[in-house]
Structure formats: C-alpha cells, structure tokens
PDB file of N, CA and C in Angstrom:
ATOM      1  N   MET A   1      -2.887  -8.012  20.942  1.00  0.00           N
ATOM      2  CA  MET A   1      -3.498  -6.721  20.741  1.00  0.00           C
ATOM      3  C   MET A   1      -2.521  -5.750  20.078  1.00  0.00           C
ATOM      4  N   ARG A   2      -1.246  -5.842  20.464  1.00  0.00           N
ATOM      5  CA  ARG A   2      -0.244  -4.949  19.905  1.00  0.00           C
ATOM      6  C   ARG A   2      -0.070  -5.208  18.408  1.00  0.00           C
ATOM      7  N   ASP A   3      -0.154  -6.485  17.996  1.00  0.00           N
ATOM      8  CA  ASP A   3      -0.035  -6.818  16.570  1.00  0.00           C
ATOM      9  C   ASP A   3      -1.186  -6.229  15.769  1.00  0.00           C
ATOM     10  N   LEU A   4      -2.346  -6.136  16.366  1.00  0.00           N
ATOM     11  CA  LEU A   4      -3.499  -5.552  15.687  1.00  0.00           C
ATOM     12  C   LEU A   4      -3.234  -4.088  15.343  1.00  0.00           C
ATOM     13  N   PHE A   5      -2.715  -3.341  16.294  1.00  0.00           N
ATOM     14  CA  PHE A   5      -2.450  -1.925  16.058  1.00  0.00           C
ATOM     15  C   PHE A   5      -1.302  -1.726  15.069  1.00  0.00           C
ATOM     16  N   THR A   6      -0.286  -2.569  15.151  1.00  0.00           N
ATOM     17  CA  THR A   6       0.821  -2.479  14.200  1.00  0.00           C
ATOM     18  C   THR A   6       0.344  -2.813  12.795  1.00  0.00           C
ATOM     19  N   GLY A   7      -0.446  -3.868  12.671  1.00  0.00           N
ATOM     20  CA  GLY A   7      -0.998  -4.230  11.364  1.00  0.00           C
ATOM     21  C   GLY A   7      -1.902  -3.148  10.816  1.00  0.00           C
ATOM     22  N   LEU A   8      -2.718  -2.565  11.665  1.00  0.00           N
ATOM     23  CA  LEU A   8      -3.605  -1.480  11.239  1.00  0.00           C
ATOM     24  C   LEU A   8      -2.795  -0.266  10.783  1.00  0.00           C
ATOM     25  N   ALA A   9      -1.695   0.025  11.475  1.00  0.00           N
ATOM     26  CA  ALA A   9      -0.842   1.142  11.074  1.00  0.00           C
ATOM     27  C   ALA A   9      -0.227   0.891   9.696  1.00  0.00           C
ATOM     28  N   PHE A  10       0.192  -0.352   9.423  1.00  0.00           N
ATOM     29  CA  PHE A  10       0.742  -0.670   8.114  1.00  0.00           C
ATOM     30  C   PHE A  10      -0.318  -0.589   7.026  1.00  0.00           C
ATOM     31  N   VAL A  11      -1.529  -1.023   7.317  1.00  0.00           N
ATOM     32  CA  VAL A  11      -2.614  -0.932   6.334  1.00  0.00           C
ATOM     33  C   VAL A  11      -2.908   0.530   6.011  1.00  0.00           C
ATOM     34  N   ILE A  12      -3.002   1.369   7.024  1.00  0.00           N
ATOM     35  CA  ILE A  12      -3.269   2.793   6.812  1.00  0.00           C
ATOM     36  C   ILE A  12      -2.123   3.443   6.035  1.00  0.00           C
ATOM     37  N   ALA A  13      -0.873   3.096   6.393  1.00  0.00           N
ATOM     38  CA  ALA A  13       0.279   3.653   5.678  1.00  0.00           C
ATOM     39  C   ALA A  13       0.282   3.196   4.220  1.00  0.00           C
ATOM     40  N   GLY A  14      -0.078   1.956   3.975  1.00  0.00           N
ATOM     41  CA  GLY A  14      -0.130   1.452   2.606  1.00  0.00           C
ATOM     42  C   GLY A  14      -1.185   2.146   1.770  1.00  0.00           C
ATOM     43  N   ILE A  15      -2.358   2.321   2.336  1.00  0.00           N
ATOM     44  CA  ILE A  15      -3.433   3.008   1.614  1.00  0.00           C
ATOM     45  C   ILE A  15      -3.050   4.458   1.344  1.00  0.00           C
ATOM     46  N   ALA A  16      -2.473   5.120   2.342  1.00  0.00           N
ATOM     47  CA  ALA A  16      -2.065   6.519   2.154  1.00  0.00           C
ATOM     48  C   ALA A  16      -0.974   6.632   1.087  1.00  0.00           C
ATOM     49  N   THR A  17      -0.047   5.693   1.064  1.00  0.00           N
ATOM     50  CA  THR A  17       1.020   5.723   0.066  1.00  0.00           C
ATOM     51  C   THR A  17       0.468   5.517  -1.336  1.00  0.00           C
ATOM     52  N   ILE A  18      -0.435   4.564  -1.493  1.00  0.00           N
ATOM     53  CA  ILE A  18      -1.020   4.293  -2.813  1.00  0.00           C
ATOM     54  C   ILE A  18      -1.842   5.483  -3.297  1.00  0.00           C
ATOM     55  N   VAL A  19      -2.656   6.054  -2.425  1.00  0.00           N
ATOM     56  CA  VAL A  19      -3.488   7.197  -2.820  1.00  0.00           C
ATOM     57  C   VAL A  19      -2.617   8.392  -3.198  1.00  0.00           C
ATOM     58  N   THR A  20      -1.575   8.648  -2.419  1.00  0.00           N
ATOM     59  CA  THR A  20      -0.681   9.761  -2.730  1.00  0.00           C
ATOM     60  C   THR A  20       0.076   9.523  -4.031  1.00  0.00           C
ATOM     61  N   ALA A  21       0.522   8.293  -4.250  1.00  0.00           N
ATOM     62  CA  ALA A  21       1.283   7.983  -5.465  1.00  0.00           C
ATOM     63  C   ALA A  21       0.423   8.107  -6.722  1.00  0.00           C
ATOM     64  N   GLN A  22      -0.860   7.855  -6.622  1.00  0.00           N
ATOM     65  CA  GLN A  22      -1.727   7.953  -7.792  1.00  0.00           C
ATOM     66  C   GLN A  22      -1.912   9.395  -8.261  1.00  0.00           C
ATOM     67  N   GLN A  23      -1.541  10.351  -7.427  1.00  0.00           N
ATOM     68  CA  GLN A  23      -1.654  11.760  -7.798  1.00  0.00           C
ATOM     69  C   GLN A  23      -0.418  12.277  -8.518  1.00  0.00           C
ATOM     70  N   PHE A  24       0.639  11.453  -8.635  1.00  0.00           N
ATOM     71  CA  PHE A  24       1.845  11.865  -9.354  1.00  0.00           C
ATOM     72  C   PHE A  24       1.537  11.961 -10.841  1.00  0.00           C
ATOM     73  N   PRO A  25       2.188  12.868 -11.551  1.00  0.00           N
ATOM     74  CA  PRO A  25       1.935  13.007 -12.991  1.00  0.00           C
ATOM     75  C   PRO A  25       2.511  11.818 -13.767  1.00  0.00           C
ATOM     76  N   THR A  26       1.897  11.512 -14.895  1.00  0.00           N
ATOM     77  CA  THR A  26       2.400  10.445 -15.755  1.00  0.00           C
ATOM     78  C   THR A  26       3.241  11.045 -16.875  1.00  0.00           C
ATOM     79  N   LEU A  27       4.150  10.247 -17.384  1.00  0.00           N
ATOM     80  CA  LEU A  27       4.985  10.691 -18.495  1.00  0.00           C
ATOM     81  C   LEU A  27       4.308  10.295 -19.802  1.00  0.00           C
ATOM     82  N   PRO A  28       4.232  11.190 -20.768  1.00  0.00           N
ATOM     83  CA  PRO A  28       3.510  10.888 -22.004  1.00  0.00           C
ATOM     84  C   PRO A  28       4.165   9.787 -22.839  1.00  0.00           C
ATOM     85  N   SER A  29       5.469   9.581 -22.699  1.00  0.00           N
ATOM     86  CA  SER A  29       6.138   8.594 -23.539  1.00  0.00           C
ATOM     87  C   SER A  29       6.178   7.199 -22.932  1.00  0.00           C
ATOM     88  N   LEU A  30       5.740   7.038 -21.690  1.00  0.00           N
ATOM     89  CA  LEU A  30       5.781   5.740 -21.023  1.00  0.00           C
ATOM     90  C   LEU A  30       4.396   5.329 -20.539  1.00  0.00           C
ATOM     91  N   GLN A  31       4.194   4.022 -20.410  1.00  0.00           N
ATOM     92  CA  GLN A  31       2.932   3.529 -19.876  1.00  0.00           C
ATOM     93  C   GLN A  31       2.909   3.607 -18.349  1.00  0.00           C
ATOM     94  N   TYR A  32       4.061   3.723 -17.754  1.00  0.00           N
ATOM     95  CA  TYR A  32       4.160   3.854 -16.309  1.00  0.00           C
ATOM     96  C   TYR A  32       4.917   5.136 -15.998  1.00  0.00           C
ATOM     97  N   GLY A  33       4.790   5.596 -14.788  1.00  0.00           N
ATOM     98  CA  GLY A  33       5.428   6.854 -14.428  1.00  0.00           C
ATOM     99  C   GLY A  33       6.031   6.792 -13.050  1.00  0.00           C
ATOM    100  N   PRO A  34       6.214   7.930 -12.442  1.00  0.00           N
ATOM    101  CA  PRO A  34       6.850   7.985 -11.132  1.00  0.00           C
ATOM    102  C   PRO A  34       5.985   7.402 -10.014  1.00  0.00           C
ATOM    103  N   SER A  35       4.757   7.073 -10.292  1.00  0.00           N
ATOM    104  CA  SER A  35       3.900   6.503  -9.245  1.00  0.00           C
ATOM    105  C   SER A  35       4.053   4.993  -9.115  1.00  0.00           C
ATOM    106  N   LEU A  36       4.799   4.358 -10.007  1.00  0.00           N
ATOM    107  CA  LEU A  36       4.897   2.898  -9.978  1.00  0.00           C
ATOM    108  C   LEU A  36       5.580   2.386  -8.710  1.00  0.00           C
ATOM    109  N   PHE A  37       6.781   2.864  -8.414  1.00  0.00           N
ATOM    110  CA  PHE A  37       7.513   2.351  -7.262  1.00  0.00           C
ATOM    111  C   PHE A  37       6.799   2.644  -5.933  1.00  0.00           C
ATOM    112  N   PRO A  38       6.307   3.867  -5.687  1.00  0.00           N
ATOM    113  CA  PRO A  38       5.575   4.084  -4.433  1.00  0.00           C
ATOM    114  C   PRO A  38       4.310   3.222  -4.330  1.00  0.00           C
ATOM    115  N   SER A  39       3.674   2.925  -5.452  1.00  0.00           N
ATOM    116  CA  SER A  39       2.496   2.054  -5.412  1.00  0.00           C
ATOM    117  C   SER A  39       2.876   0.627  -5.026  1.00  0.00           C
ATOM    118  N   ILE A  40       4.016   0.162  -5.516  1.00  0.00           N
ATOM    119  CA  ILE A  40       4.484  -1.174  -5.136  1.00  0.00           C
ATOM    120  C   ILE A  40       4.828  -1.215  -3.647  1.00  0.00           C
ATOM    121  N   VAL A  41       5.475  -0.174  -3.157  1.00  0.00           N
ATOM    122  CA  VAL A  41       5.806  -0.107  -1.729  1.00  0.00           C
ATOM    123  C   VAL A  41       4.525  -0.062  -0.890  1.00  0.00           C
ATOM    124  N   GLY A  42       3.543   0.732  -1.322  1.00  0.00           N
ATOM    125  CA  GLY A  42       2.271   0.803  -0.604  1.00  0.00           C
ATOM    126  C   GLY A  42       1.545  -0.531  -0.596  1.00  0.00           C
ATOM    127  N   ALA A  43       1.599  -1.258  -1.717  1.00  0.00           N
ATOM    128  CA  ALA A  43       0.979  -2.585  -1.762  1.00  0.00           C
ATOM    129  C   ALA A  43       1.694  -3.549  -0.817  1.00  0.00           C
ATOM    130  N   GLY A  44       3.006  -3.405  -0.708  1.00  0.00           N
ATOM    131  CA  GLY A  44       3.751  -4.227   0.254  1.00  0.00           C
ATOM    132  C   GLY A  44       3.350  -3.919   1.690  1.00  0.00           C
ATOM    133  N   PHE A  45       3.216  -2.640   2.006  1.00  0.00           N
ATOM    134  CA  PHE A  45       2.741  -2.254   3.342  1.00  0.00           C
ATOM    135  C   PHE A  45       1.356  -2.830   3.608  1.00  0.00           C
ATOM    136  N   LEU A  46       0.498  -2.718   2.618  1.00  0.00           N
ATOM    137  CA  LEU A  46      -0.875  -3.188   2.769  1.00  0.00           C
ATOM    138  C   LEU A  46      -0.921  -4.694   2.985  1.00  0.00           C
ATOM    139  N   SER A  47      -0.146  -5.443   2.206  1.00  0.00           N
ATOM    140  CA  SER A  47      -0.169  -6.902   2.342  1.00  0.00           C
ATOM    141  C   SER A  47       0.475  -7.362   3.649  1.00  0.00           C
ATOM    142  N   ARG A  48       1.534  -6.687   4.074  1.00  0.00           N
ATOM    143  CA  ARG A  48       2.186  -7.060   5.342  1.00  0.00           C
ATOM    144  C   ARG A  48       1.334  -6.645   6.530  1.00  0.00           C
ATOM    145  N   GLY A  49       0.567  -5.602   6.391  1.00  0.00           N
ATOM    146  CA  GLY A  49      -0.319  -5.189   7.471  1.00  0.00           C
ATOM    147  C   GLY A  49      -1.446  -6.170   7.691  1.00  0.00           C
ATOM    148  N   CYS A  50      -1.859  -6.845   6.630  1.00  0.00           N
ATOM    149  CA  CYS A  50      -2.936  -7.835   6.737  1.00  0.00           C
ATOM    150  C   CYS A  50      -2.422  -9.191   7.198  1.00  0.00           C
ATOM    151  N   ALA A  51      -1.156  -9.483   7.002  1.00  0.00           N
ATOM    152  CA  ALA A  51      -0.621 -10.815   7.261  1.00  0.00           C
ATOM    153  C   ALA A  51      -0.637 -11.245   8.731  1.00  0.00           C
ATOM    154  N   PRO A  52      -0.282 -10.386   9.698  1.00  0.00           N
ATOM    155  CA  PRO A  52      -0.203 -10.882  11.074  1.00  0.00           C
ATOM    156  C   PRO A  52      -1.538 -11.409  11.608  1.00  0.00           C
ATOM    157  N   GLY A  53      -2.619 -10.714  11.341  1.00  0.00           N
ATOM    158  CA  GLY A  53      -3.901 -11.175  11.842  1.00  0.00           C
ATOM    159  C   GLY A  53      -4.564 -12.200  10.957  1.00  0.00           C
ATOM    160  N   GLY A  54      -4.260 -12.164   9.671  1.00  0.00           N
ATOM    161  CA  GLY A  54      -4.872 -13.075   8.720  1.00  0.00           C
ATOM    162  C   GLY A  54      -6.342 -12.783   8.461  1.00  0.00           C
ATOM    163  N   LYS A  55      -6.828 -11.669   8.945  1.00  0.00           N
ATOM    164  CA  LYS A  55      -8.246 -11.343   8.818  1.00  0.00           C
ATOM    165  C   LYS A  55      -8.581 -10.649   7.505  1.00  0.00           C
ATOM    166  N   CYS A  56      -7.572 -10.126   6.803  1.00  0.00           N
ATOM    167  CA  CYS A  56      -7.830  -9.372   5.584  1.00  0.00           C
ATOM    168  C   CYS A  56      -8.035 -10.268   4.374  1.00  0.00           C
ATOM    169  N   VAL A  57      -7.678 -11.524   4.485  1.00  0.00           N
ATOM    170  CA  VAL A  57      -7.819 -12.446   3.360  1.00  0.00           C
ATOM    171  C   VAL A  57      -9.265 -12.930   3.324  1.00  0.00           C
ATOM    172  N   MET A  58      -9.885 -12.778   2.152  1.00  0.00           N
ATOM    173  CA  MET A  58     -11.267 -13.232   2.005  1.00  0.00           C
ATOM    174  C   MET A  58     -11.320 -14.752   1.994  1.00  0.00           C
ATOM    175  N   GLU A  59     -12.258 -15.299   2.709  1.00  0.00           N
ATOM    176  CA  GLU A  59     -12.403 -16.762   2.746  1.00  0.00           C
ATOM    177  C   GLU A  59     -13.635 -17.193   2.003  1.00  0.00           C
TER     178      GLU A  59
END
C-alpha cells in the first residue's frame, strides 16, 4: 500500500513538472528552450512512479 502512495506522488510530481515546464518561454534561435531539461526530469518522475505497481503500462 505504501508503494502505491509513493508511486502516485511521483506521477503527480511528474505531471506537475511537465505542465509547469511547458509554460517556460522558448528561444527564437533554438528548436528547444529552457523547458527541455525539466520536461525530461518530469518524464523520469512519471515513468518511475508507474514502475513499482506496473499498472500504468498498457497491455
């Protein structure tokens, strides 16, 4: 049960990080901007949050 809450916390943190990072401004001279690294970190949180239960993977 404790793993469920920890995984859920990581999923929520990952989604919040990705949503917040998408609001960062982009640089006109680059295809990527300051939102790239926080989005990668948020995706890592999201994937690790799904891993303990294994329920997030579509079968």
